[in-house]
Amino acid sequence: MLESRKGELSGGSFQMPKSLAMETDPSPTTSDLIWSSPPAEPVLSRNEVHLWRTTVEVPAFDFARLQRLLSSDERAKAAGFLFDRDRHRFVVARGFLRAILSLYLNCTPTELHFKYTEYGKPSLANPHVNANLNFNLAHSGKLALYGITLQRAIGVDIEQIRHEFASEEIARHFFSVGEASRLLSIPANDRPKAFFDCWTRKEAFIKAKGIGLSLPLNQFDVSLSPEEPALLLETRWDKNERSRWSLRAIDVGPDYAATVAVEGHDWQPSYWQASRDILV
């Protein structure tokens, strides 16, 4: 996610635009039609990718229910956020993650335990470590996105489109030379969307690989032009790496960009809308 790169920006010459703190509600559009109510007991096969969307803006009653689902270490992490808004959104996003995963594992959300790689990517720990269920999550603005697979690596990223952030300077700092050049060739009105399409495709890929910030974003190329599908174009450390992965843009709603990166190509997505109905 873009939030994880703020340290690089603040440590250099960049200044975060003040208007980034202002956010707007995603208004309903036809994109909402692809997000369906989930089955009570979702069944996942290896050639499927289940994508879940939810809002992280919930009433106080639902927030309390979600907070009760968290482990002590998750509550401690939530308490470490400086701003109430960030704390609230973390609690809701992690609470819904537990609620979603419990549907697949036939357990209560509080029974779930997570372990983390050295780069911070979570996965299931005992007693569900052998379930072969992989997942990833991201949240930005007022939306959260989750991806669930069986025996496949997966990464998801979602970003609220903020025009002030989609600058040439930031693109040249994080993107490859080719990507920055292609971005500048796109008409100015389309450039912010292309910027965030590029960003989410790159972040979803490194999250799928599970190596976090250790892989610089300029070491591989993705598609970003409006007429292009989401593609991994080049991986400079290994020219064959790109053939192992597939990317897909996700329509989560207006003013957002989102991408899922999945190991392999023979899969189909399902789109589920998570709501309070799945909470226990």
Protein backbone atom coordinates (compact mmCIF):
# COMPACT_ATOMS: atom_id res chain seq x y z
CA MET A 1 0.00 0.00 0.00
CA LEU A 2 0.97 3.56 -0.59
CA GLU A 3 0.86 4.22 3.18
CA SER A 4 3.84 1.90 3.67
CA ARG A 5 5.98 4.11 1.43
CA LYS A 6 5.38 7.34 3.35
CA GLY A 7 8.58 6.84 5.31
CA GLU A 8 10.59 7.06 2.12
CA LEU A 9 8.78 10.23 1.14
CA SER A 10 9.09 11.98 4.49
CA GLY A 11 12.75 11.08 4.72
CA GLY A 12 13.53 12.80 1.43
CA SER A 13 12.60 15.99 -0.31
CA PHE A 14 8.92 15.21 -0.88
CA GLN A 15 6.14 17.00 0.96
CA MET A 16 2.85 15.19 1.51
CA PRO A 17 0.00 17.38 0.21
CA LYS A 18 -2.22 18.65 3.01
CA SER A 19 -5.34 17.74 1.05
CA LEU A 20 -4.52 14.01 1.32
CA ALA A 21 -6.26 13.99 4.67
CA MET A 22 -9.57 14.83 2.96
CA GLU A 23 -11.57 11.85 1.75
CA THR A 24 -14.93 11.37 0.09
CA ASP A 25 -17.49 8.61 0.27
CA PRO A 26 -17.50 6.21 -2.69
CA SER A 27 -20.86 6.81 -4.37
CA PRO A 28 -22.87 3.81 -5.62
CA THR A 29 -22.37 2.99 -9.30
CA THR A 30 -22.85 0.05 -11.63
CA SER A 31 -19.52 -1.31 -10.34
CA ASP A 32 -21.40 -2.32 -7.18
CA LEU A 33 -23.34 -4.88 -9.18
CA ILE A 34 -20.39 -7.27 -9.37
CA TRP A 35 -20.18 -7.53 -5.56
CA SER A 36 -22.67 -10.13 -4.37
CA SER A 37 -23.84 -11.34 -0.99
CA PRO A 38 -21.65 -14.28 0.03
CA PRO A 39 -22.86 -17.81 0.65
CA ALA A 40 -23.13 -18.86 4.29
CA GLU A 41 -20.36 -21.42 3.76
CA PRO A 42 -18.14 -20.38 0.84
CA VAL A 43 -16.34 -23.22 -0.91
CA LEU A 44 -13.00 -22.44 -2.54
CA SER A 45 -11.26 -24.54 -5.19
CA ARG A 46 -7.70 -24.12 -6.43
CA ASN A 47 -8.82 -22.48 -9.68
CA GLU A 48 -10.81 -19.78 -7.87
CA VAL A 49 -9.88 -16.50 -6.23
CA HIS A 50 -12.42 -15.08 -3.81
CA LEU A 51 -12.31 -11.31 -3.48
CA TRP A 52 -14.12 -9.55 -0.65
CA ARG A 53 -14.94 -5.87 -0.28
CA THR A 54 -16.18 -4.02 2.76
CA THR A 55 -16.33 -0.55 4.25
CA VAL A 56 -14.18 0.32 7.25
CA GLU A 57 -16.66 3.00 8.30
CA VAL A 58 -19.08 1.16 10.59
CA PRO A 59 -21.43 2.16 13.42
CA ALA A 60 -20.13 2.09 17.00
CA PHE A 61 -22.05 -1.10 17.78
CA ASP A 62 -20.42 -3.02 14.92
CA PHE A 63 -17.02 -1.55 15.78
CA ALA A 64 -17.32 -2.96 19.30
CA ARG A 65 -18.25 -6.38 17.89
CA LEU A 66 -15.26 -6.35 15.53
CA GLN A 67 -12.89 -5.20 18.25
CA ARG A 68 -13.88 -8.17 20.42
CA LEU A 69 -12.74 -10.52 17.65
CA LEU A 70 -9.13 -9.33 17.77
CA SER A 71 -6.26 -11.00 19.59
CA SER A 72 -4.33 -9.23 22.33
CA ASP A 73 -1.43 -8.47 19.97
CA GLU A 74 -3.82 -7.00 17.39
CA ARG A 75 -5.38 -4.81 20.05
CA ALA A 76 -1.92 -3.69 21.13
CA LYS A 77 -1.05 -2.77 17.56
CA ALA A 78 -4.31 -0.84 17.20
CA ALA A 79 -3.52 1.08 20.38
CA GLY A 80 -0.23 2.17 18.84
CA PHE A 81 -1.86 4.25 16.10
CA LEU A 82 -1.56 7.97 16.65
CA PHE A 83 -4.89 8.94 15.11
CA ASP A 84 -8.30 7.56 16.08
CA ARG A 85 -9.30 7.24 12.43
CA ASP A 86 -6.35 4.95 11.65
CA ARG A 87 -6.96 2.91 14.80
CA HIS A 88 -10.62 2.51 13.93
CA ARG A 89 -9.93 1.38 10.38
CA PHE A 90 -7.28 -1.13 11.47
CA VAL A 91 -9.67 -2.70 13.98
CA VAL A 92 -12.47 -2.97 11.43
CA ALA A 93 -10.24 -4.35 8.67
CA ARG A 94 -8.69 -7.00 10.90
CA GLY A 95 -12.02 -7.89 12.50
CA PHE A 96 -13.59 -8.50 9.10
CA LEU A 97 -10.55 -10.54 8.06
CA ARG A 98 -11.16 -12.86 10.98
CA ALA A 99 -14.89 -13.03 10.25
CA ILE A 100 -14.26 -13.85 6.56
CA LEU A 101 -11.63 -16.52 7.20
CA SER A 102 -13.80 -18.20 9.84
CA LEU A 103 -16.43 -18.89 7.14
CA TYR A 104 -13.94 -21.04 5.25
CA LEU A 105 -12.44 -22.77 8.28
CA ASN A 106 -15.65 -23.61 10.17
CA CYS A 107 -14.44 -21.95 13.35
CA THR A 108 -15.10 -18.81 15.33
CA PRO A 109 -13.10 -15.69 14.42
CA THR A 110 -11.39 -15.66 17.82
CA GLU A 111 -10.01 -19.18 17.27
CA LEU A 112 -7.78 -17.94 14.45
CA HIS A 113 -4.08 -17.42 15.03
CA PHE A 114 -1.67 -15.72 12.64
CA LYS A 115 2.03 -15.89 12.04
CA TYR A 116 4.07 -13.33 10.12
CA THR A 117 7.02 -13.44 7.77
CA GLU A 118 10.05 -11.29 8.45
CA TYR A 119 8.45 -8.76 6.08
CA GLY A 120 5.18 -8.70 8.02
CA LYS A 121 2.93 -10.73 5.69
CA PRO A 122 0.37 -12.69 7.75
CA SER A 123 -0.63 -16.30 7.25
CA LEU A 124 -2.56 -18.86 9.26
CA ALA A 125 -0.88 -20.50 12.24
CA ASN A 126 -1.92 -23.56 14.26
CA PRO A 127 -4.45 -25.10 14.41
CA HIS A 128 -5.24 -24.09 10.80
CA VAL A 129 -1.72 -23.94 9.39
CA ASN A 130 -2.35 -26.97 7.15
CA ALA A 131 -5.56 -25.62 5.63
CA ASN A 132 -3.66 -24.45 2.52
CA LEU A 133 -5.67 -21.23 2.64
CA ASN A 134 -3.77 -18.11 1.57
CA PHE A 135 -5.03 -14.59 2.01
CA ASN A 136 -4.05 -10.97 1.76
CA LEU A 137 -5.74 -7.71 2.68
CA ALA A 138 -5.41 -3.98 2.11
CA HIS A 139 -7.43 -0.92 2.99
CA SER A 140 -7.43 2.69 1.86
CA GLY A 141 -9.86 5.51 2.36
CA LYS A 142 -13.12 3.94 3.45
CA LEU A 143 -12.78 0.57 1.74
CA ALA A 144 -11.03 -2.68 2.57
CA LEU A 145 -10.18 -5.46 0.12
CA TYR A 146 -9.41 -9.12 0.82
CA GLY A 147 -8.20 -11.92 -1.42
CA ILE A 148 -8.50 -15.64 -0.55
CA THR A 149 -6.91 -18.53 -2.47
CA LEU A 150 -6.20 -22.21 -2.04
CA GLN A 151 -2.54 -23.22 -2.47
CA ARG A 152 -1.67 -20.07 -4.42
CA ALA A 153 0.28 -17.01 -3.41
CA ILE A 154 -1.83 -13.86 -3.52
CA GLY A 155 -1.45 -10.13 -2.97
CA VAL A 156 -4.02 -7.35 -3.11
CA ASP A 157 -3.75 -3.60 -2.99
CA ILE A 158 -6.31 -0.82 -2.98
CA GLU A 159 -5.72 2.93 -3.10
CA GLN A 160 -8.02 5.90 -3.00
CA ILE A 161 -7.19 8.04 -6.04
CA ARG A 162 -5.72 11.31 -4.82
CA HIS A 163 -4.84 13.63 -7.66
CA GLU A 164 -2.34 15.64 -5.63
CA PHE A 165 -0.18 12.55 -5.07
CA ALA A 166 0.03 11.45 -8.72
CA SER A 167 2.96 13.72 -9.54
CA GLU A 168 5.83 13.29 -11.96
CA GLU A 169 8.31 13.60 -9.08
CA ILE A 170 6.82 10.72 -7.11
CA ALA A 171 6.49 8.57 -10.23
CA ARG A 172 10.17 9.07 -11.06
CA HIS A 173 11.12 8.25 -7.46
CA PHE A 174 9.22 4.94 -7.23
CA PHE A 175 8.43 3.75 -10.76
CA SER A 176 10.82 2.40 -13.36
CA VAL A 177 12.16 4.74 -16.03
CA GLY A 178 9.86 3.17 -18.61
CA GLU A 179 6.77 3.41 -16.42
CA ALA A 180 7.43 7.05 -15.56
CA SER A 181 7.89 7.83 -19.24
CA ARG A 182 4.67 6.03 -20.23
CA LEU A 183 2.77 7.81 -17.47
CA LEU A 184 3.80 11.21 -18.79
CA SER A 185 2.61 10.25 -22.29
CA ILE A 186 -0.95 9.75 -21.00
CA PRO A 187 -3.34 12.74 -21.21
CA ALA A 188 -3.30 14.78 -18.02
CA ASN A 189 -6.95 14.01 -17.17
CA ASP A 190 -6.29 10.27 -17.26
CA ARG A 191 -2.93 10.39 -15.50
CA PRO A 192 -4.05 10.12 -11.84
CA LYS A 193 -5.99 6.92 -12.52
CA ALA A 194 -3.05 5.49 -14.49
CA PHE A 195 -0.68 6.44 -11.65
CA PHE A 196 -2.73 4.54 -9.08
CA ASP A 197 -3.36 1.62 -11.42
CA CYS A 198 0.41 1.31 -11.73
CA TRP A 199 0.92 1.70 -7.99
CA THR A 200 -1.61 -0.96 -6.97
CA ARG A 201 -0.31 -3.41 -9.57
CA LYS A 202 3.22 -3.06 -8.24
CA GLU A 203 2.21 -3.26 -4.59
CA ALA A 204 -0.08 -6.26 -5.13
CA PHE A 205 2.79 -8.10 -6.83
CA ILE A 206 5.34 -7.54 -4.08
CA LYS A 207 2.72 -8.47 -1.48
CA ALA A 208 2.03 -11.71 -3.35
CA LYS A 209 5.74 -12.48 -3.28
CA GLY A 210 5.74 -11.72 0.44
CA ILE A 211 8.95 -9.71 0.47
CA GLY A 212 7.57 -6.30 1.30
CA LEU A 213 9.72 -3.21 0.95
CA SER A 214 12.84 -5.27 0.23
CA LEU A 215 11.93 -5.30 -3.47
CA PRO A 216 12.19 -1.78 -4.92
CA LEU A 217 9.25 -0.84 -7.09
CA ASN A 218 11.55 0.18 -9.94
CA GLN A 219 12.92 -3.34 -10.39
CA PHE A 220 9.94 -4.53 -12.40
CA ASP A 221 7.44 -3.06 -14.86
CA VAL A 222 3.66 -3.28 -15.05
CA SER A 223 1.14 -1.96 -17.56
CA LEU A 224 -0.54 1.35 -16.79
CA SER A 225 -2.07 2.81 -19.95
CA PRO A 226 -5.88 3.08 -19.82
CA GLU A 227 -6.40 0.76 -22.77
CA GLU A 228 -4.12 -1.98 -21.39
CA PRO A 229 -5.17 -4.84 -19.11
CA ALA A 230 -3.26 -5.34 -15.86
CA LEU A 231 -0.01 -7.10 -16.78
CA LEU A 232 3.38 -7.82 -15.28
CA LEU A 233 5.64 -6.80 -18.15
CA GLU A 234 9.21 -7.32 -16.92
CA THR A 235 11.08 -8.65 -13.89
CA ARG A 236 14.67 -7.57 -14.22
CA TRP A 237 16.21 -9.98 -11.68
CA ASP A 238 14.77 -12.99 -13.56
CA LYS A 239 13.20 -12.65 -17.00
CA ASN A 240 11.08 -15.77 -16.40
CA GLU A 241 9.56 -14.54 -13.15
CA ARG A 242 6.82 -12.54 -14.86
CA SER A 243 5.35 -15.66 -16.48
CA ARG A 244 4.57 -17.14 -13.05
CA TRP A 245 2.11 -14.41 -12.10
CA SER A 246 -1.13 -12.89 -13.27
CA LEU A 247 -2.56 -9.48 -12.39
CA ARG A 248 -6.14 -8.31 -12.58
CA ALA A 249 -7.64 -4.88 -12.00
CA ILE A 250 -10.55 -4.88 -9.54
CA ASP A 251 -13.45 -2.46 -9.85
CA VAL A 252 -14.13 -1.61 -6.21
CA GLY A 253 -15.88 1.69 -6.95
CA PRO A 254 -15.29 5.22 -8.20
CA ASP A 255 -12.24 7.12 -7.02
CA TYR A 256 -10.38 3.92 -6.17
CA ALA A 257 -7.84 1.70 -7.91
CA ALA A 258 -7.29 -1.92 -6.90
CA THR A 259 -5.37 -4.94 -8.15
CA VAL A 260 -4.99 -8.60 -7.27
CA ALA A 261 -1.79 -10.52 -8.07
CA VAL A 262 -2.03 -14.31 -8.11
CA GLU A 263 0.43 -17.12 -8.69
CA GLY A 264 -0.49 -18.83 -11.95
CA HIS A 265 -3.03 -18.00 -14.65
CA ASP A 266 -5.75 -20.69 -14.54
CA TRP A 267 -8.15 -19.05 -12.08
CA GLN A 268 -11.44 -17.21 -12.00
CA PRO A 269 -12.56 -14.55 -9.52
CA SER A 270 -15.68 -14.31 -7.38
CA TYR A 271 -16.67 -11.01 -5.80
CA TRP A 272 -18.29 -10.94 -2.35
CA GLN A 273 -19.52 -8.00 -0.31
CA ALA A 274 -18.76 -8.42 3.41
CA SER A 275 -21.33 -6.89 5.73
CA ARG A 276 -22.42 -7.07 9.36
CA ASP A 277 -24.35 -10.24 8.48
CA ILE A 278 -21.15 -12.30 8.70
CA LEU A 279 -20.28 -11.05 12.18
CA VAL A 280 -20.84 -13.28 15.20
